[in-house]
Amino acid sequence: MTRTATQFAAADRPLTEILDTVPAGGWSRPSPCEDWSAADVVDHLISTQRDFLTTHGVELGEARDVAADPAAAWREHARRVAAALADDAVPAREFDGFFGPTTVGAAFEQFYVWDMVVHRWDVARAVGADAGLTADELDRIEAGADSFGEALYMDGICRPGPDVPEGADREVRALARVGRAV
């Protein structure tokens, strides 16, 4: 299994666990992402990963209808992505990215796996669940924010974060960097 596949699987397990606990009426609840419901967050994760991977020659088949069952749509998408990322050739594909020369694997880990961790918190927050972010995941959030620099706050990525109270815990500080108020 490739490093990218391993990183994807590590982010997928807790995300899928959260999605599988969302009650039917919970999908329409607002998320911390402005104007997005919990279902919209799942649609975003699927559509952005599909767009990125298919642009780089990965065949993922037809997308499931997210609105009909967001958790099932995610599980099917994640199964296909995991299979694609397990092929050594996929993560090794080189291309010129936003920040310069990179590989599909490096870009997928840096942004799309990072996005899964951040948006897991968004879905959990929308439905009143605990995202259960680990120290390693907080490391990932902080490292991602560092690597994106000011590009993190471009339109459509993250909004600037709220002021953080003195003595706030690490989760509050990390999430504030990506525009989330805990």
C-alpha atoms as a PDB file:
ATOM      1  CA  MET A   1       0.000   0.000   0.000  1.00  0.00           C
ATOM      2  CA  THR A   2       1.297   3.456  -0.872  1.00  0.00           C
ATOM      3  CA  ARG A   3       1.896   6.157   1.721  1.00  0.00           C
ATOM      4  CA  THR A   4      -0.910   8.185   0.165  1.00  0.00           C
ATOM      5  CA  ALA A   5      -3.307   5.237   0.436  1.00  0.00           C
ATOM      6  CA  THR A   6      -2.304   4.775   4.079  1.00  0.00           C
ATOM      7  CA  GLN A   7      -2.848   8.457   4.853  1.00  0.00           C
ATOM      8  CA  PHE A   8      -6.203   8.405   3.060  1.00  0.00           C
ATOM      9  CA  ALA A   9      -7.309   5.310   5.007  1.00  0.00           C
ATOM     10  CA  ALA A  10      -6.279   6.910   8.314  1.00  0.00           C
ATOM     11  CA  ALA A  11      -8.413   9.981   7.562  1.00  0.00           C
ATOM     12  CA  ASP A  12     -11.261   7.946   6.077  1.00  0.00           C
ATOM     13  CA  ARG A  13     -11.910   5.672   9.083  1.00  0.00           C
ATOM     14  CA  PRO A  14     -12.945   8.381  11.569  1.00  0.00           C
ATOM     15  CA  LEU A  15     -14.692  10.409   8.860  1.00  0.00           C
ATOM     16  CA  THR A  16     -16.799   7.407   7.843  1.00  0.00           C
ATOM     17  CA  GLU A  17     -17.577   6.709  11.506  1.00  0.00           C
ATOM     18  CA  ILE A  18     -18.939  10.247  11.913  1.00  0.00           C
ATOM     19  CA  LEU A  19     -20.908  10.078   8.651  1.00  0.00           C
ATOM     20  CA  ASP A  20     -22.443   6.760   9.652  1.00  0.00           C
ATOM     21  CA  THR A  21     -23.807   8.317  12.871  1.00  0.00           C
ATOM     22  CA  VAL A  22     -25.552  11.255  11.210  1.00  0.00           C
ATOM     23  CA  PRO A  23     -29.320  10.851  11.622  1.00  0.00           C
ATOM     24  CA  ALA A  24     -31.452  11.222   8.478  1.00  0.00           C
ATOM     25  CA  GLY A  25     -32.571  14.723   9.498  1.00  0.00           C
ATOM     26  CA  GLY A  26     -29.016  15.722  10.381  1.00  0.00           C
ATOM     27  CA  TRP A  27     -27.867  16.039   6.772  1.00  0.00           C
ATOM     28  CA  SER A  28     -29.745  19.303   6.306  1.00  0.00           C
ATOM     29  CA  ARG A  29     -28.323  20.925   9.435  1.00  0.00           C
ATOM     30  CA  PRO A  30     -26.017  23.879   8.821  1.00  0.00           C
ATOM     31  CA  SER A  31     -22.292  23.228   9.057  1.00  0.00           C
ATOM     32  CA  PRO A  32     -19.671  25.746  10.159  1.00  0.00           C
ATOM     33  CA  CYS A  33     -18.958  26.242   6.434  1.00  0.00           C
ATOM     34  CA  GLU A  34     -20.989  29.254   5.392  1.00  0.00           C
ATOM     35  CA  ASP A  35     -24.169  28.290   3.500  1.00  0.00           C
ATOM     36  CA  TRP A  36     -23.336  24.566   3.559  1.00  0.00           C
ATOM     37  CA  SER A  37     -25.307  21.799   5.216  1.00  0.00           C
ATOM     38  CA  ALA A  38     -23.677  18.631   6.529  1.00  0.00           C
ATOM     39  CA  ALA A  39     -24.623  16.951   3.211  1.00  0.00           C
ATOM     40  CA  ASP A  40     -23.031  19.823   1.280  1.00  0.00           C
ATOM     41  CA  VAL A  41     -19.752  19.184   3.107  1.00  0.00           C
ATOM     42  CA  VAL A  42     -19.798  15.534   1.988  1.00  0.00           C
ATOM     43  CA  ASP A  43     -20.652  16.596  -1.570  1.00  0.00           C
ATOM     44  CA  HIS A  44     -17.696  19.012  -1.487  1.00  0.00           C
ATOM     45  CA  LEU A  45     -15.283  16.308  -0.314  1.00  0.00           C
ATOM     46  CA  ILE A  46     -16.415  13.899  -3.008  1.00  0.00           C
ATOM     47  CA  SER A  47     -16.551  16.402  -5.852  1.00  0.00           C
ATOM     48  CA  THR A  48     -13.179  18.015  -5.161  1.00  0.00           C
ATOM     49  CA  GLN A  49     -11.401  14.671  -4.809  1.00  0.00           C
ATOM     50  CA  ARG A  50     -13.087  13.374  -7.971  1.00  0.00           C
ATOM     51  CA  ASP A  51     -12.152  16.526  -9.890  1.00  0.00           C
ATOM     52  CA  PHE A  52      -8.523  16.320  -8.796  1.00  0.00           C
ATOM     53  CA  LEU A  53      -8.067  12.607  -9.416  1.00  0.00           C
ATOM     54  CA  THR A  54      -9.914  12.448 -12.735  1.00  0.00           C
ATOM     55  CA  THR A  55      -7.913  15.455 -13.970  1.00  0.00           C
ATOM     56  CA  HIS A  56      -4.841  13.295 -13.346  1.00  0.00           C
ATOM     57  CA  GLY A  57      -6.140  10.278 -15.247  1.00  0.00           C
ATOM     58  CA  VAL A  58      -7.798   8.281 -12.481  1.00  0.00           C
ATOM     59  CA  GLU A  59     -11.036   6.542 -13.474  1.00  0.00           C
ATOM     60  CA  LEU A  60     -13.471   6.573 -10.538  1.00  0.00           C
ATOM     61  CA  GLY A  61     -16.649   5.501 -12.316  1.00  0.00           C
ATOM     62  CA  GLU A  62     -19.957   7.294 -12.039  1.00  0.00           C
ATOM     63  CA  ALA A  63     -20.518   9.287  -8.862  1.00  0.00           C
ATOM     64  CA  ARG A  64     -23.332   8.291  -6.534  1.00  0.00           C
ATOM     65  CA  ASP A  65     -26.093  10.713  -5.702  1.00  0.00           C
ATOM     66  CA  VAL A  66     -24.913  12.407  -2.500  1.00  0.00           C
ATOM     67  CA  ALA A  67     -28.343  13.876  -1.732  1.00  0.00           C
ATOM     68  CA  ALA A  68     -29.958  10.427  -1.619  1.00  0.00           C
ATOM     69  CA  ASP A  69     -27.592   9.068   1.050  1.00  0.00           C
ATOM     70  CA  PRO A  70     -24.466  11.120   1.831  1.00  0.00           C
ATOM     71  CA  ALA A  71     -22.843   8.438   4.008  1.00  0.00           C
ATOM     72  CA  ALA A  72     -23.338   5.718   1.376  1.00  0.00           C
ATOM     73  CA  ALA A  73     -22.076   8.046  -1.346  1.00  0.00           C
ATOM     74  CA  TRP A  74     -18.955   8.717   0.718  1.00  0.00           C
ATOM     75  CA  ARG A  75     -18.335   5.021   1.432  1.00  0.00           C
ATOM     76  CA  GLU A  76     -18.551   4.176  -2.290  1.00  0.00           C
ATOM     77  CA  HIS A  77     -16.332   7.115  -3.227  1.00  0.00           C
ATOM     78  CA  ALA A  78     -13.782   6.246  -0.530  1.00  0.00           C
ATOM     79  CA  ARG A  79     -13.652   2.621  -1.693  1.00  0.00           C
ATOM     80  CA  ARG A  80     -12.853   3.739  -5.248  1.00  0.00           C
ATOM     81  CA  VAL A  81     -10.289   6.327  -4.145  1.00  0.00           C
ATOM     82  CA  ALA A  82      -8.560   3.809  -1.867  1.00  0.00           C
ATOM     83  CA  ALA A  83      -8.275   1.350  -4.748  1.00  0.00           C
ATOM     84  CA  ALA A  84      -6.840   4.029  -7.041  1.00  0.00           C
ATOM     85  CA  LEU A  85      -4.331   5.262  -4.469  1.00  0.00           C
ATOM     86  CA  ALA A  86      -3.142   1.702  -3.795  1.00  0.00           C
ATOM     87  CA  ASP A  87      -1.728   1.616  -7.348  1.00  0.00           C
ATOM     88  CA  ASP A  88       1.883   2.810  -6.980  1.00  0.00           C
ATOM     89  CA  ALA A  89       1.710   4.613 -10.326  1.00  0.00           C
ATOM     90  CA  VAL A  90      -1.139   6.956  -9.313  1.00  0.00           C
ATOM     91  CA  PRO A  91       0.494   8.761  -6.361  1.00  0.00           C
ATOM     92  CA  ALA A  92       3.794   8.889  -8.281  1.00  0.00           C
ATOM     93  CA  ARG A  93       2.350  10.879 -11.227  1.00  0.00           C
ATOM     94  CA  GLU A  94       4.129  14.198 -11.512  1.00  0.00           C
ATOM     95  CA  PHE A  95       2.540  17.520 -12.426  1.00  0.00           C
ATOM     96  CA  ASP A  96       3.003  21.251 -11.946  1.00  0.00           C
ATOM     97  CA  GLY A  97       0.822  22.204  -8.999  1.00  0.00           C
ATOM     98  CA  PHE A  98      -0.204  25.511  -7.467  1.00  0.00           C
ATOM     99  CA  PHE A  99       2.967  25.547  -5.344  1.00  0.00           C
ATOM    100  CA  GLY A 100       5.275  24.119  -8.056  1.00  0.00           C
ATOM    101  CA  PRO A 101       6.294  20.634  -9.265  1.00  0.00           C
ATOM    102  CA  THR A 102       4.708  17.855  -7.197  1.00  0.00           C
ATOM    103  CA  THR A 103       3.079  14.451  -7.445  1.00  0.00           C
ATOM    104  CA  VAL A 104      -0.535  13.356  -7.263  1.00  0.00           C
ATOM    105  CA  GLY A 105       0.250  11.615  -3.973  1.00  0.00           C
ATOM    106  CA  ALA A 106       1.920  14.611  -2.362  1.00  0.00           C
ATOM    107  CA  ALA A 107      -0.838  17.001  -3.426  1.00  0.00           C
ATOM    108  CA  PHE A 108      -3.565  14.570  -2.383  1.00  0.00           C
ATOM    109  CA  GLU A 109      -2.043  14.179   1.076  1.00  0.00           C
ATOM    110  CA  GLN A 110      -1.292  17.870   1.520  1.00  0.00           C
ATOM    111  CA  PHE A 111      -4.736  19.141   0.606  1.00  0.00           C
ATOM    112  CA  TYR A 112      -7.380  16.435   0.143  1.00  0.00           C
ATOM    113  CA  VAL A 113      -6.506  14.291   3.168  1.00  0.00           C
ATOM    114  CA  TRP A 114      -6.115  17.494   5.195  1.00  0.00           C
ATOM    115  CA  ASP A 115      -9.543  18.599   3.927  1.00  0.00           C
ATOM    116  CA  MET A 116     -11.073  15.312   5.144  1.00  0.00           C
ATOM    117  CA  VAL A 117      -9.831  15.952   8.680  1.00  0.00           C
ATOM    118  CA  VAL A 118     -11.037  19.560   8.784  1.00  0.00           C
ATOM    119  CA  HIS A 119     -14.413  18.738   7.257  1.00  0.00           C
ATOM    120  CA  ARG A 120     -14.911  15.795   9.625  1.00  0.00           C
ATOM    121  CA  TRP A 121     -14.977  18.400  12.363  1.00  0.00           C
ATOM    122  CA  ASP A 122     -17.484  20.453  10.334  1.00  0.00           C
ATOM    123  CA  VAL A 123     -19.907  17.527   9.924  1.00  0.00           C
ATOM    124  CA  ALA A 124     -19.518  16.532  13.560  1.00  0.00           C
ATOM    125  CA  ARG A 125     -20.197  20.095  14.642  1.00  0.00           C
ATOM    126  CA  ALA A 126     -23.279  20.284  12.408  1.00  0.00           C
ATOM    127  CA  VAL A 127     -24.841  17.274  14.129  1.00  0.00           C
ATOM    128  CA  GLY A 128     -23.591  17.877  17.669  1.00  0.00           C
ATOM    129  CA  ALA A 129     -21.039  15.052  17.646  1.00  0.00           C
ATOM    130  CA  ASP A 130     -17.427  14.985  18.794  1.00  0.00           C
ATOM    131  CA  ALA A 131     -14.998  14.810  15.866  1.00  0.00           C
ATOM    132  CA  GLY A 132     -12.416  13.230  18.174  1.00  0.00           C
ATOM    133  CA  LEU A 133      -9.440  14.969  16.586  1.00  0.00           C
ATOM    134  CA  THR A 134      -6.170  13.360  17.650  1.00  0.00           C
ATOM    135  CA  ALA A 135      -2.835  15.054  18.274  1.00  0.00           C
ATOM    136  CA  ASP A 136      -1.618  13.697  14.907  1.00  0.00           C
ATOM    137  CA  GLU A 137      -4.646  15.176  13.174  1.00  0.00           C
ATOM    138  CA  LEU A 138      -4.094  18.533  14.844  1.00  0.00           C
ATOM    139  CA  ASP A 139      -0.492  18.286  13.597  1.00  0.00           C
ATOM    140  CA  ARG A 140      -1.883  17.727  10.089  1.00  0.00           C
ATOM    141  CA  ILE A 141      -4.242  20.726  10.357  1.00  0.00           C
ATOM    142  CA  GLU A 142      -1.434  22.991  11.570  1.00  0.00           C
ATOM    143  CA  ALA A 143       1.091  21.711   9.003  1.00  0.00           C
ATOM    144  CA  GLY A 144      -1.444  22.179   6.226  1.00  0.00           C
ATOM    145  CA  ALA A 145      -2.213  25.720   7.336  1.00  0.00           C
ATOM    146  CA  ASP A 146       1.541  26.430   7.452  1.00  0.00           C
ATOM    147  CA  SER A 147       2.145  24.949   3.996  1.00  0.00           C
ATOM    148  CA  PHE A 148      -0.626  26.950   2.317  1.00  0.00           C
ATOM    149  CA  GLY A 149       0.472  30.288   3.770  1.00  0.00           C
ATOM    150  CA  GLU A 150      -1.788  33.152   2.743  1.00  0.00           C
ATOM    151  CA  ALA A 151      -3.262  30.994  -0.042  1.00  0.00           C
ATOM    152  CA  LEU A 152      -5.267  29.319   2.741  1.00  0.00           C
ATOM    153  CA  TYR A 153      -7.429  32.431   2.894  1.00  0.00           C
ATOM    154  CA  MET A 154      -8.139  32.689  -0.832  1.00  0.00           C
ATOM    155  CA  ASP A 155     -11.801  32.850  -1.781  1.00  0.00           C
ATOM    156  CA  GLY A 156     -13.402  29.437  -1.387  1.00  0.00           C
ATOM    157  CA  ILE A 157     -10.733  27.913   0.863  1.00  0.00           C
ATOM    158  CA  CYS A 158     -10.860  29.123   4.487  1.00  0.00           C
ATOM    159  CA  ARG A 159     -11.925  32.389   5.985  1.00  0.00           C
ATOM    160  CA  PRO A 160      -9.642  34.059   8.515  1.00  0.00           C
ATOM    161  CA  GLY A 161     -10.146  32.622  11.963  1.00  0.00           C
ATOM    162  CA  PRO A 162     -11.728  34.162  14.995  1.00  0.00           C
ATOM    163  CA  ASP A 163      -9.694  35.629  17.826  1.00  0.00           C
ATOM    164  CA  VAL A 164      -8.601  32.898  20.198  1.00  0.00           C
ATOM    165  CA  PRO A 165      -8.872  33.493  23.922  1.00  0.00           C
ATOM    166  CA  GLU A 166      -5.700  33.436  26.016  1.00  0.00           C
ATOM    167  CA  GLY A 167      -5.024  29.894  27.219  1.00  0.00           C
ATOM    168  CA  ALA A 168      -7.259  28.209  24.611  1.00  0.00           C
ATOM    169  CA  ASP A 169      -6.504  24.546  24.063  1.00  0.00           C
ATOM    170  CA  ARG A 170      -4.705  23.260  20.989  1.00  0.00           C
ATOM    171  CA  GLU A 171      -7.845  22.144  19.149  1.00  0.00           C
ATOM    172  CA  VAL A 172      -9.395  25.606  19.500  1.00  0.00           C
ATOM    173  CA  ARG A 173      -6.190  27.249  18.258  1.00  0.00           C
ATOM    174  CA  ALA A 174      -5.720  24.846  15.323  1.00  0.00           C
ATOM    175  CA  LEU A 175      -9.318  25.129  14.168  1.00  0.00           C
ATOM    176  CA  ALA A 176      -9.275  28.916  14.465  1.00  0.00           C
ATOM    177  CA  ARG A 177      -6.391  28.946  11.971  1.00  0.00           C
ATOM    178  CA  VAL A 178      -8.755  27.409   9.430  1.00  0.00           C
ATOM    179  CA  GLY A 179     -11.635  29.759  10.207  1.00  0.00           C
ATOM    180  CA  ARG A 180     -13.531  27.629  12.696  1.00  0.00           C
ATOM    181  CA  ALA A 181     -14.924  28.925  15.965  1.00  0.00           C
ATOM    182  CA  VAL A 182     -15.100  26.183  18.572  1.00  0.00           C
END
